[in-house]
Amino acid sequence: GIGNTTVEKVMTEAVREGVPFWDMAQRLVNDGVITVKAGAAI
């Protein structure tokens, strides 16, 4: 349940800001950029 679009969003921001993938995923859930469901799967 972790789609390509979700992964791409997290990865793009993680690379841009130099933040680990896992930390960026939580931040994007909090900001509403990715869904709570996708965040829970990650």
All heavy atoms as atom14 arrays in JSON, in Angstrom:
{
  "sequence": "GIGNTTVEKVMTEAVREGVPFWDMAQRLVNDGVITVKAGAAI",
  "atom14_mask": [
    [1, 1, 1, 1, 0, 0, 0, 0, 0, 0, 0, 0, 0, 0],
    [1, 1, 1, 1, 1, 1, 1, 1, 0, 0, 0, 0, 0, 0],
    [1, 1, 1, 1, 0, 0, 0, 0, 0, 0, 0, 0, 0, 0],
    [1, 1, 1, 1, 1, 1, 1, 1, 0, 0, 0, 0, 0, 0],
    [1, 1, 1, 1, 1, 1, 1, 0, 0, 0, 0, 0, 0, 0],
    [1, 1, 1, 1, 1, 1, 1, 0, 0, 0, 0, 0, 0, 0],
    [1, 1, 1, 1, 1, 1, 1, 0, 0, 0, 0, 0, 0, 0],
    [1, 1, 1, 1, 1, 1, 1, 1, 1, 0, 0, 0, 0, 0],
    [1, 1, 1, 1, 1, 1, 1, 1, 1, 0, 0, 0, 0, 0],
    [1, 1, 1, 1, 1, 1, 1, 0, 0, 0, 0, 0, 0, 0],
    [1, 1, 1, 1, 1, 1, 1, 1, 0, 0, 0, 0, 0, 0],
    [1, 1, 1, 1, 1, 1, 1, 0, 0, 0, 0, 0, 0, 0],
    [1, 1, 1, 1, 1, 1, 1, 1, 1, 0, 0, 0, 0, 0],
    [1, 1, 1, 1, 1, 0, 0, 0, 0, 0, 0, 0, 0, 0],
    [1, 1, 1, 1, 1, 1, 1, 0, 0, 0, 0, 0, 0, 0],
    [1, 1, 1, 1, 1, 1, 1, 1, 1, 1, 1, 0, 0, 0],
    [1, 1, 1, 1, 1, 1, 1, 1, 1, 0, 0, 0, 0, 0],
    [1, 1, 1, 1, 0, 0, 0, 0, 0, 0, 0, 0, 0, 0],
    [1, 1, 1, 1, 1, 1, 1, 0, 0, 0, 0, 0, 0, 0],
    [1, 1, 1, 1, 1, 1, 1, 0, 0, 0, 0, 0, 0, 0],
    [1, 1, 1, 1, 1, 1, 1, 1, 1, 1, 1, 0, 0, 0],
    [1, 1, 1, 1, 1, 1, 1, 1, 1, 1, 1, 1, 1, 1],
    [1, 1, 1, 1, 1, 1, 1, 1, 0, 0, 0, 0, 0, 0],
    [1, 1, 1, 1, 1, 1, 1, 1, 0, 0, 0, 0, 0, 0],
    [1, 1, 1, 1, 1, 0, 0, 0, 0, 0, 0, 0, 0, 0],
    [1, 1, 1, 1, 1, 1, 1, 1, 1, 0, 0, 0, 0, 0],
    [1, 1, 1, 1, 1, 1, 1, 1, 1, 1, 1, 0, 0, 0],
    [1, 1, 1, 1, 1, 1, 1, 1, 0, 0, 0, 0, 0, 0],
    [1, 1, 1, 1, 1, 1, 1, 0, 0, 0, 0, 0, 0, 0],
    [1, 1, 1, 1, 1, 1, 1, 1, 0, 0, 0, 0, 0, 0],
    [1, 1, 1, 1, 1, 1, 1, 1, 0, 0, 0, 0, 0, 0],
    [1, 1, 1, 1, 0, 0, 0, 0, 0, 0, 0, 0, 0, 0],
    [1, 1, 1, 1, 1, 1, 1, 0, 0, 0, 0, 0, 0, 0],
    [1, 1, 1, 1, 1, 1, 1, 1, 0, 0, 0, 0, 0, 0],
    [1, 1, 1, 1, 1, 1, 1, 0, 0, 0, 0, 0, 0, 0],
    [1, 1, 1, 1, 1, 1, 1, 0, 0, 0, 0, 0, 0, 0],
    [1, 1, 1, 1, 1, 1, 1, 1, 1, 0, 0, 0, 0, 0],
    [1, 1, 1, 1, 1, 0, 0, 0, 0, 0, 0, 0, 0, 0],
    [1, 1, 1, 1, 0, 0, 0, 0, 0, 0, 0, 0, 0, 0],
    [1, 1, 1, 1, 1, 0, 0, 0, 0, 0, 0, 0, 0, 0],
    [1, 1, 1, 1, 1, 0, 0, 0, 0, 0, 0, 0, 0, 0],
    [1, 1, 1, 1, 1, 1, 1, 1, 0, 0, 0, 0, 0, 0]
  ],
  "atom14_positions": [
    [[0.78, -1.23, 0.0], [0.0, 0.0, 0.0], [0.82, 1.28, 0.0], [0.34, 2.33, 0.43], [0.0, 0.0, 0.0], [0.0, 0.0, 0.0], [0.0, 0.0, 0.0], [0.0, 0.0, 0.0], [0.0, 0.0, 0.0], [0.0, 0.0, 0.0], [0.0, 0.0, 0.0], [0.0, 0.0, 0.0], [0.0, 0.0, 0.0], [0.0, 0.0, 0.0]],
    [[2.07, 1.22, -0.48], [2.89, 2.44, -0.59], [3.13, 2.67, -2.08], [3.99, 2.03, -2.7], [4.24, 2.29, 0.16], [4.01, 1.86, 1.6], [5.03, 3.59, 0.1], [5.28, 1.48, 2.36], [0.0, 0.0, 0.0], [0.0, 0.0, 0.0], [0.0, 0.0, 0.0], [0.0, 0.0, 0.0], [0.0, 0.0, 0.0], [0.0, 0.0, 0.0]],
    [[2.36, 3.56, -2.67], [2.4, 3.75, -4.12], [3.6, 4.54, -4.6], [4.28, 5.23, -3.84], [0.0, 0.0, 0.0], [0.0, 0.0, 0.0], [0.0, 0.0, 0.0], [0.0, 0.0, 0.0], [0.0, 0.0, 0.0], [0.0, 0.0, 0.0], [0.0, 0.0, 0.0], [0.0, 0.0, 0.0], [0.0, 0.0, 0.0], [0.0, 0.0, 0.0]],
    [[3.85, 4.47, -5.93], [4.98, 5.17, -6.54], [4.9, 6.68, -6.33], [5.9, 7.35, -6.1], [5.05, 4.87, -8.05], [5.48, 3.45, -8.31], [6.08, 2.81, -7.44], [5.19, 2.94, -9.49], [0.0, 0.0, 0.0], [0.0, 0.0, 0.0], [0.0, 0.0, 0.0], [0.0, 0.0, 0.0], [0.0, 0.0, 0.0], [0.0, 0.0, 0.0]],
    [[3.68, 7.24, -6.41], [3.51, 8.69, -6.26], [3.94, 9.13, -4.87], [4.65, 10.12, -4.7], [2.04, 9.09, -6.51], [1.65, 8.59, -7.79], [1.88, 10.6, -6.49], [0.0, 0.0, 0.0], [0.0, 0.0, 0.0], [0.0, 0.0, 0.0], [0.0, 0.0, 0.0], [0.0, 0.0, 0.0], [0.0, 0.0, 0.0], [0.0, 0.0, 0.0]],
    [[3.53, 8.36, -3.85], [3.91, 8.67, -2.47], [5.42, 8.63, -2.31], [6.04, 9.55, -1.75], [3.26, 7.65, -1.51], [1.85, 7.78, -1.6], [3.7, 7.89, -0.08], [0.0, 0.0, 0.0], [0.0, 0.0, 0.0], [0.0, 0.0, 0.0], [0.0, 0.0, 0.0], [0.0, 0.0, 0.0], [0.0, 0.0, 0.0], [0.0, 0.0, 0.0]],
    [[6.03, 7.56, -2.81], [7.48, 7.39, -2.68], [8.21, 8.54, -3.37], [9.18, 9.1, -2.82], [7.92, 6.03, -3.28], [9.45, 5.94, -3.31], [7.34, 4.88, -2.48], [0.0, 0.0, 0.0], [0.0, 0.0, 0.0], [0.0, 0.0, 0.0], [0.0, 0.0, 0.0], [0.0, 0.0, 0.0], [0.0, 0.0, 0.0], [0.0, 0.0, 0.0]],
    [[7.74, 8.91, -4.55], [8.4, 9.99, -5.31], [8.33, 11.32, -4.56], [9.31, 12.07, -4.49], [7.74, 10.12, -6.69], [8.66, 10.75, -7.72], [8.1, 10.6, -9.13], [7.79, 9.46, -9.55], [7.95, 11.65, -9.78], [0.0, 0.0, 0.0], [0.0, 0.0, 0.0], [0.0, 0.0, 0.0], [0.0, 0.0, 0.0], [0.0, 0.0, 0.0]],
    [[7.17, 11.6, -3.97], [7.02, 12.86, -3.22], [7.99, 12.9, -2.03], [8.68, 13.89, -1.8], [5.57, 13.0, -2.69], [4.56, 13.41, -3.74], [3.16, 13.44, -3.12], [2.1, 13.79, -4.18], [0.74, 13.69, -3.62], [0.0, 0.0, 0.0], [0.0, 0.0, 0.0], [0.0, 0.0, 0.0], [0.0, 0.0, 0.0], [0.0, 0.0, 0.0]],
    [[8.02, 11.79, -1.28], [8.9, 11.75, -0.11], [10.36, 11.85, -0.53], [11.14, 12.61, 0.05], [8.67, 10.45, 0.7], [9.62, 10.39, 1.89], [7.22, 10.35, 1.18], [0.0, 0.0, 0.0], [0.0, 0.0, 0.0], [0.0, 0.0, 0.0], [0.0, 0.0, 0.0], [0.0, 0.0, 0.0], [0.0, 0.0, 0.0], [0.0, 0.0, 0.0]],
    [[10.72, 11.09, -1.57], [12.12, 11.05, -1.99], [12.58, 12.41, -2.51], [13.7, 12.86, -2.2], [12.27, 9.98, -3.09], [13.67, 9.44, -3.23], [14.15, 8.47, -1.8], [15.79, 9.12, -1.56], [0.0, 0.0, 0.0], [0.0, 0.0, 0.0], [0.0, 0.0, 0.0], [0.0, 0.0, 0.0], [0.0, 0.0, 0.0], [0.0, 0.0, 0.0]],
    [[11.75, 13.06, -3.3], [12.11, 14.36, -3.87], [12.42, 15.37, -2.76], [13.44, 16.07, -2.78], [10.97, 14.9, -4.76], [10.72, 13.94, -5.8], [11.34, 16.24, -5.39], [0.0, 0.0, 0.0], [0.0, 0.0, 0.0], [0.0, 0.0, 0.0], [0.0, 0.0, 0.0], [0.0, 0.0, 0.0], [0.0, 0.0, 0.0], [0.0, 0.0, 0.0]],
    [[11.54, 15.42, -1.77], [11.73, 16.36, -0.66], [12.91, 15.96, 0.22], [13.67, 16.81, 0.7], [10.45, 16.46, 0.18], [9.3, 17.16, -0.52], [9.67, 18.57, -0.96], [10.14, 19.36, -0.13], [9.53, 18.87, -2.17], [0.0, 0.0, 0.0], [0.0, 0.0, 0.0], [0.0, 0.0, 0.0], [0.0, 0.0, 0.0], [0.0, 0.0, 0.0]],
    [[13.09, 14.66, 0.42], [14.2, 14.18, 1.25], [15.54, 14.56, 0.63], [16.45, 15.03, 1.33], [14.11, 12.66, 1.43], [0.0, 0.0, 0.0], [0.0, 0.0, 0.0], [0.0, 0.0, 0.0], [0.0, 0.0, 0.0], [0.0, 0.0, 0.0], [0.0, 0.0, 0.0], [0.0, 0.0, 0.0], [0.0, 0.0, 0.0], [0.0, 0.0, 0.0]],
    [[15.65, 14.39, -0.69], [16.9, 14.75, -1.4], [17.1, 16.25, -1.37], [18.21, 16.76, -1.11], [16.86, 14.22, -2.86], [18.01, 14.81, -3.67], [16.91, 12.7, -2.88], [0.0, 0.0, 0.0], [0.0, 0.0, 0.0], [0.0, 0.0, 0.0], [0.0, 0.0, 0.0], [0.0, 0.0, 0.0], [0.0, 0.0, 0.0], [0.0, 0.0, 0.0]],
    [[16.02, 17.0, -1.61], [16.13, 18.47, -1.69], [16.59, 19.06, -0.36], [17.41, 19.98, -0.32], [14.78, 19.07, -2.08], [14.84, 20.56, -2.44], [13.54, 21.02, -3.07], [12.43, 20.95, -2.15], [12.17, 21.88, -1.22], [12.97, 22.94, -1.1], [11.15, 21.76, -0.41], [0.0, 0.0, 0.0], [0.0, 0.0, 0.0], [0.0, 0.0, 0.0]],
    [[16.12, 18.49, 0.75], [16.45, 19.06, 2.05], [17.54, 18.29, 2.8], [17.94, 18.67, 3.9], [15.19, 19.15, 2.92], [14.15, 20.1, 2.34], [13.12, 20.51, 3.38], [13.44, 20.45, 4.59], [12.0, 20.88, 2.97], [0.0, 0.0, 0.0], [0.0, 0.0, 0.0], [0.0, 0.0, 0.0], [0.0, 0.0, 0.0], [0.0, 0.0, 0.0]],
    [[18.01, 17.17, 2.18], [19.06, 16.39, 2.84], [18.61, 15.73, 4.12], [19.37, 15.61, 5.09], [0.0, 0.0, 0.0], [0.0, 0.0, 0.0], [0.0, 0.0, 0.0], [0.0, 0.0, 0.0], [0.0, 0.0, 0.0], [0.0, 0.0, 0.0], [0.0, 0.0, 0.0], [0.0, 0.0, 0.0], [0.0, 0.0, 0.0], [0.0, 0.0, 0.0]],
    [[17.35, 15.3, 4.14], [16.75, 14.67, 5.34], [16.52, 13.19, 5.04], [16.16, 12.84, 3.91], [15.4, 15.36, 5.67], [14.68, 14.64, 6.81], [15.63, 16.82, 6.03], [0.0, 0.0, 0.0], [0.0, 0.0, 0.0], [0.0, 0.0, 0.0], [0.0, 0.0, 0.0], [0.0, 0.0, 0.0], [0.0, 0.0, 0.0], [0.0, 0.0, 0.0]],
    [[16.71, 12.29, 6.02], [16.43, 10.87, 5.77], [14.99, 10.64, 5.3], [14.07, 11.35, 5.71], [16.67, 10.21, 7.14], [17.62, 11.13, 7.83], [17.27, 12.51, 7.37], [0.0, 0.0, 0.0], [0.0, 0.0, 0.0], [0.0, 0.0, 0.0], [0.0, 0.0, 0.0], [0.0, 0.0, 0.0], [0.0, 0.0, 0.0], [0.0, 0.0, 0.0]],
    [[14.82, 9.63, 4.46], [13.52, 9.29, 3.88], [12.45, 9.16, 4.97], [11.35, 9.7, 4.86], [13.65, 7.98, 3.1], [12.37, 7.5, 2.48], [12.02, 7.86, 1.19], [11.49, 6.68, 3.19], [10.84, 7.4, 0.62], [10.31, 6.23, 2.64], [9.99, 6.6, 1.34], [0.0, 0.0, 0.0], [0.0, 0.0, 0.0], [0.0, 0.0, 0.0]],
    [[12.78, 8.42, 6.03], [11.79, 8.12, 7.07], [11.3, 9.4, 7.77], [10.1, 9.56, 8.01], [12.38, 7.18, 8.1], [12.95, 5.92, 7.53], [14.27, 5.6, 7.41], [12.21, 4.82, 6.98], [14.4, 4.37, 6.83], [13.16, 3.86, 6.56], [10.85, 4.54, 6.82], [12.79, 2.65, 5.98], [10.48, 3.33, 6.24], [11.44, 2.41, 5.83]],
    [[12.23, 10.29, 8.08], [11.85, 11.54, 8.75], [10.99, 12.41, 7.85], [10.01, 13.03, 8.3], [13.11, 12.31, 9.18], [13.93, 11.54, 10.2], [13.44, 10.51, 10.7], [15.08, 11.95, 10.47], [0.0, 0.0, 0.0], [0.0, 0.0, 0.0], [0.0, 0.0, 0.0], [0.0, 0.0, 0.0], [0.0, 0.0, 0.0], [0.0, 0.0, 0.0]],
    [[11.37, 12.47, 6.56], [10.6, 13.3, 5.63], [9.19, 12.75, 5.45], [8.23, 13.52, 5.32], [11.33, 13.37, 4.28], [10.63, 14.23, 3.24], [10.25, 15.92, 3.81], [11.9, 16.63, 3.87], [0.0, 0.0, 0.0], [0.0, 0.0, 0.0], [0.0, 0.0, 0.0], [0.0, 0.0, 0.0], [0.0, 0.0, 0.0], [0.0, 0.0, 0.0]],
    [[9.04, 11.42, 5.46], [7.7, 10.82, 5.31], [6.78, 11.31, 6.43], [5.63, 11.72, 6.17], [7.8, 9.3, 5.33], [0.0, 0.0, 0.0], [0.0, 0.0, 0.0], [0.0, 0.0, 0.0], [0.0, 0.0, 0.0], [0.0, 0.0, 0.0], [0.0, 0.0, 0.0], [0.0, 0.0, 0.0], [0.0, 0.0, 0.0], [0.0, 0.0, 0.0]],
    [[7.26, 11.32, 7.66], [6.44, 11.76, 8.79], [6.09, 13.24, 8.66], [4.95, 13.65, 8.92], [7.19, 11.51, 10.11], [6.36, 11.76, 11.35], [5.06, 10.95, 11.36], [5.1, 9.72, 11.24], [3.91, 11.62, 11.45], [0.0, 0.0, 0.0], [0.0, 0.0, 0.0], [0.0, 0.0, 0.0], [0.0, 0.0, 0.0], [0.0, 0.0, 0.0]],
    [[7.07, 14.03, 8.21], [6.83, 15.46, 8.06], [5.76, 15.73, 7.0], [4.88, 16.58, 7.18], [8.14, 16.16, 7.67], [8.05, 17.69, 7.81], [9.24, 18.41, 7.18], [10.51, 18.07, 7.8], [11.67, 18.59, 7.39], [11.69, 19.43, 6.37], [12.79, 18.26, 8.0], [0.0, 0.0, 0.0], [0.0, 0.0, 0.0], [0.0, 0.0, 0.0]],
    [[5.8, 14.97, 5.9], [4.83, 15.2, 4.82], [3.43, 14.73, 5.21], [2.43, 15.25, 4.71], [5.3, 14.5, 3.53], [6.58, 15.06, 2.89], [6.86, 14.38, 1.56], [6.49, 16.58, 2.67], [0.0, 0.0, 0.0], [0.0, 0.0, 0.0], [0.0, 0.0, 0.0], [0.0, 0.0, 0.0], [0.0, 0.0, 0.0], [0.0, 0.0, 0.0]],
    [[3.34, 13.74, 6.11], [2.03, 13.34, 6.64], [1.47, 14.49, 7.47], [0.3, 14.88, 7.33], [2.14, 12.06, 7.5], [0.82, 11.8, 8.23], [2.5, 10.86, 6.64], [0.0, 0.0, 0.0], [0.0, 0.0, 0.0], [0.0, 0.0, 0.0], [0.0, 0.0, 0.0], [0.0, 0.0, 0.0], [0.0, 0.0, 0.0], [0.0, 0.0, 0.0]],
    [[2.33, 15.04, 8.33], [1.9, 16.15, 9.19], [1.46, 17.36, 8.37], [0.53, 18.08, 8.76], [3.03, 16.57, 10.14], [3.39, 15.45, 11.12], [2.59, 14.55, 11.34], [4.59, 15.51, 11.68], [0.0, 0.0, 0.0], [0.0, 0.0, 0.0], [0.0, 0.0, 0.0], [0.0, 0.0, 0.0], [0.0, 0.0, 0.0], [0.0, 0.0, 0.0]],
    [[2.14, 17.58, 7.21], [1.82, 18.73, 6.36], [0.67, 18.45, 5.4], [0.28, 19.32, 4.62], [3.05, 19.15, 5.54], [4.17, 19.7, 6.43], [3.89, 20.0, 7.61], [5.31, 19.81, 5.94], [0.0, 0.0, 0.0], [0.0, 0.0, 0.0], [0.0, 0.0, 0.0], [0.0, 0.0, 0.0], [0.0, 0.0, 0.0], [0.0, 0.0, 0.0]],
    [[0.17, 17.21, 5.42], [-0.95, 16.86, 4.54], [-0.56, 16.63, 3.09], [-1.41, 16.52, 2.21], [0.0, 0.0, 0.0], [0.0, 0.0, 0.0], [0.0, 0.0, 0.0], [0.0, 0.0, 0.0], [0.0, 0.0, 0.0], [0.0, 0.0, 0.0], [0.0, 0.0, 0.0], [0.0, 0.0, 0.0], [0.0, 0.0, 0.0], [0.0, 0.0, 0.0]],
    [[0.75, 16.51, 2.79], [1.21, 16.3, 1.41], [0.96, 14.85, 0.99], [0.64, 14.57, -0.17], [2.71, 16.66, 1.27], [3.21, 16.36, -0.14], [2.94, 18.13, 1.63], [0.0, 0.0, 0.0], [0.0, 0.0, 0.0], [0.0, 0.0, 0.0], [0.0, 0.0, 0.0], [0.0, 0.0, 0.0], [0.0, 0.0, 0.0], [0.0, 0.0, 0.0]],
    [[1.14, 13.92, 1.91], [0.77, 12.53, 1.62], [-0.3, 12.1, 2.63], [-0.4, 12.67, 3.72], [1.99, 11.56, 1.67], [2.62, 11.51, 3.06], [3.03, 11.93, 0.64], [3.72, 10.47, 3.19], [0.0, 0.0, 0.0], [0.0, 0.0, 0.0], [0.0, 0.0, 0.0], [0.0, 0.0, 0.0], [0.0, 0.0, 0.0], [0.0, 0.0, 0.0]],
    [[-1.06, 11.09, 2.26], [-2.21, 10.71, 3.09], [-1.77, 10.02, 4.38], [-0.68, 9.44, 4.45], [-3.14, 9.74, 2.32], [-2.43, 8.51, 2.09], [-3.58, 10.34, 0.99], [0.0, 0.0, 0.0], [0.0, 0.0, 0.0], [0.0, 0.0, 0.0], [0.0, 0.0, 0.0], [0.0, 0.0, 0.0], [0.0, 0.0, 0.0], [0.0, 0.0, 0.0]],
    [[-2.66, 10.09, 5.37], [-2.4, 9.42, 6.65], [-2.26, 7.92, 6.43], [-1.42, 7.24, 7.04], [-3.54, 9.71, 7.65], [-3.38, 8.89, 8.91], [-3.59, 11.2, 7.97], [0.0, 0.0, 0.0], [0.0, 0.0, 0.0], [0.0, 0.0, 0.0], [0.0, 0.0, 0.0], [0.0, 0.0, 0.0], [0.0, 0.0, 0.0], [0.0, 0.0, 0.0]],
    [[-3.07, 7.39, 5.5], [-3.04, 5.95, 5.21], [-1.67, 5.54, 4.66], [-1.08, 4.54, 5.08], [-4.14, 5.61, 4.2], [-4.27, 4.12, 3.91], [-5.38, 3.86, 2.9], [-5.46, 2.38, 2.55], [-6.47, 2.12, 1.51], [0.0, 0.0, 0.0], [0.0, 0.0, 0.0], [0.0, 0.0, 0.0], [0.0, 0.0, 0.0], [0.0, 0.0, 0.0]],
    [[-1.15, 6.36, 3.7], [0.17, 6.06, 3.13], [1.24, 6.2, 4.21], [2.18, 5.38, 4.29], [0.46, 7.0, 1.96], [0.0, 0.0, 0.0], [0.0, 0.0, 0.0], [0.0, 0.0, 0.0], [0.0, 0.0, 0.0], [0.0, 0.0, 0.0], [0.0, 0.0, 0.0], [0.0, 0.0, 0.0], [0.0, 0.0, 0.0], [0.0, 0.0, 0.0]],
    [[1.11, 7.23, 5.05], [2.07, 7.43, 6.13], [2.08, 6.26, 7.1], [3.15, 5.83, 7.57], [0.0, 0.0, 0.0], [0.0, 0.0, 0.0], [0.0, 0.0, 0.0], [0.0, 0.0, 0.0], [0.0, 0.0, 0.0], [0.0, 0.0, 0.0], [0.0, 0.0, 0.0], [0.0, 0.0, 0.0], [0.0, 0.0, 0.0], [0.0, 0.0, 0.0]],
    [[0.88, 5.73, 7.38], [0.77, 4.59, 8.3], [1.44, 3.35, 7.69], [2.11, 2.57, 8.4], [-0.7, 4.31, 8.6], [0.0, 0.0, 0.0], [0.0, 0.0, 0.0], [0.0, 0.0, 0.0], [0.0, 0.0, 0.0], [0.0, 0.0, 0.0], [0.0, 0.0, 0.0], [0.0, 0.0, 0.0], [0.0, 0.0, 0.0], [0.0, 0.0, 0.0]],
    [[1.29, 3.17, 6.37], [1.91, 2.02, 5.69], [3.44, 2.13, 5.75], [4.14, 1.13, 5.99], [1.44, 1.95, 4.23], [0.0, 0.0, 0.0], [0.0, 0.0, 0.0], [0.0, 0.0, 0.0], [0.0, 0.0, 0.0], [0.0, 0.0, 0.0], [0.0, 0.0, 0.0], [0.0, 0.0, 0.0], [0.0, 0.0, 0.0], [0.0, 0.0, 0.0]],
    [[3.96, 3.36, 5.54], [5.41, 3.58, 5.62], [5.9, 3.3, 7.04], [6.93, 2.64, 7.24], [5.78, 5.01, 5.17], [5.53, 5.17, 3.66], [7.22, 5.34, 5.51], [5.7, 6.59, 3.15], [0.0, 0.0, 0.0], [0.0, 0.0, 0.0], [0.0, 0.0, 0.0], [0.0, 0.0, 0.0], [0.0, 0.0, 0.0], [0.0, 0.0, 0.0]]
  ]
}
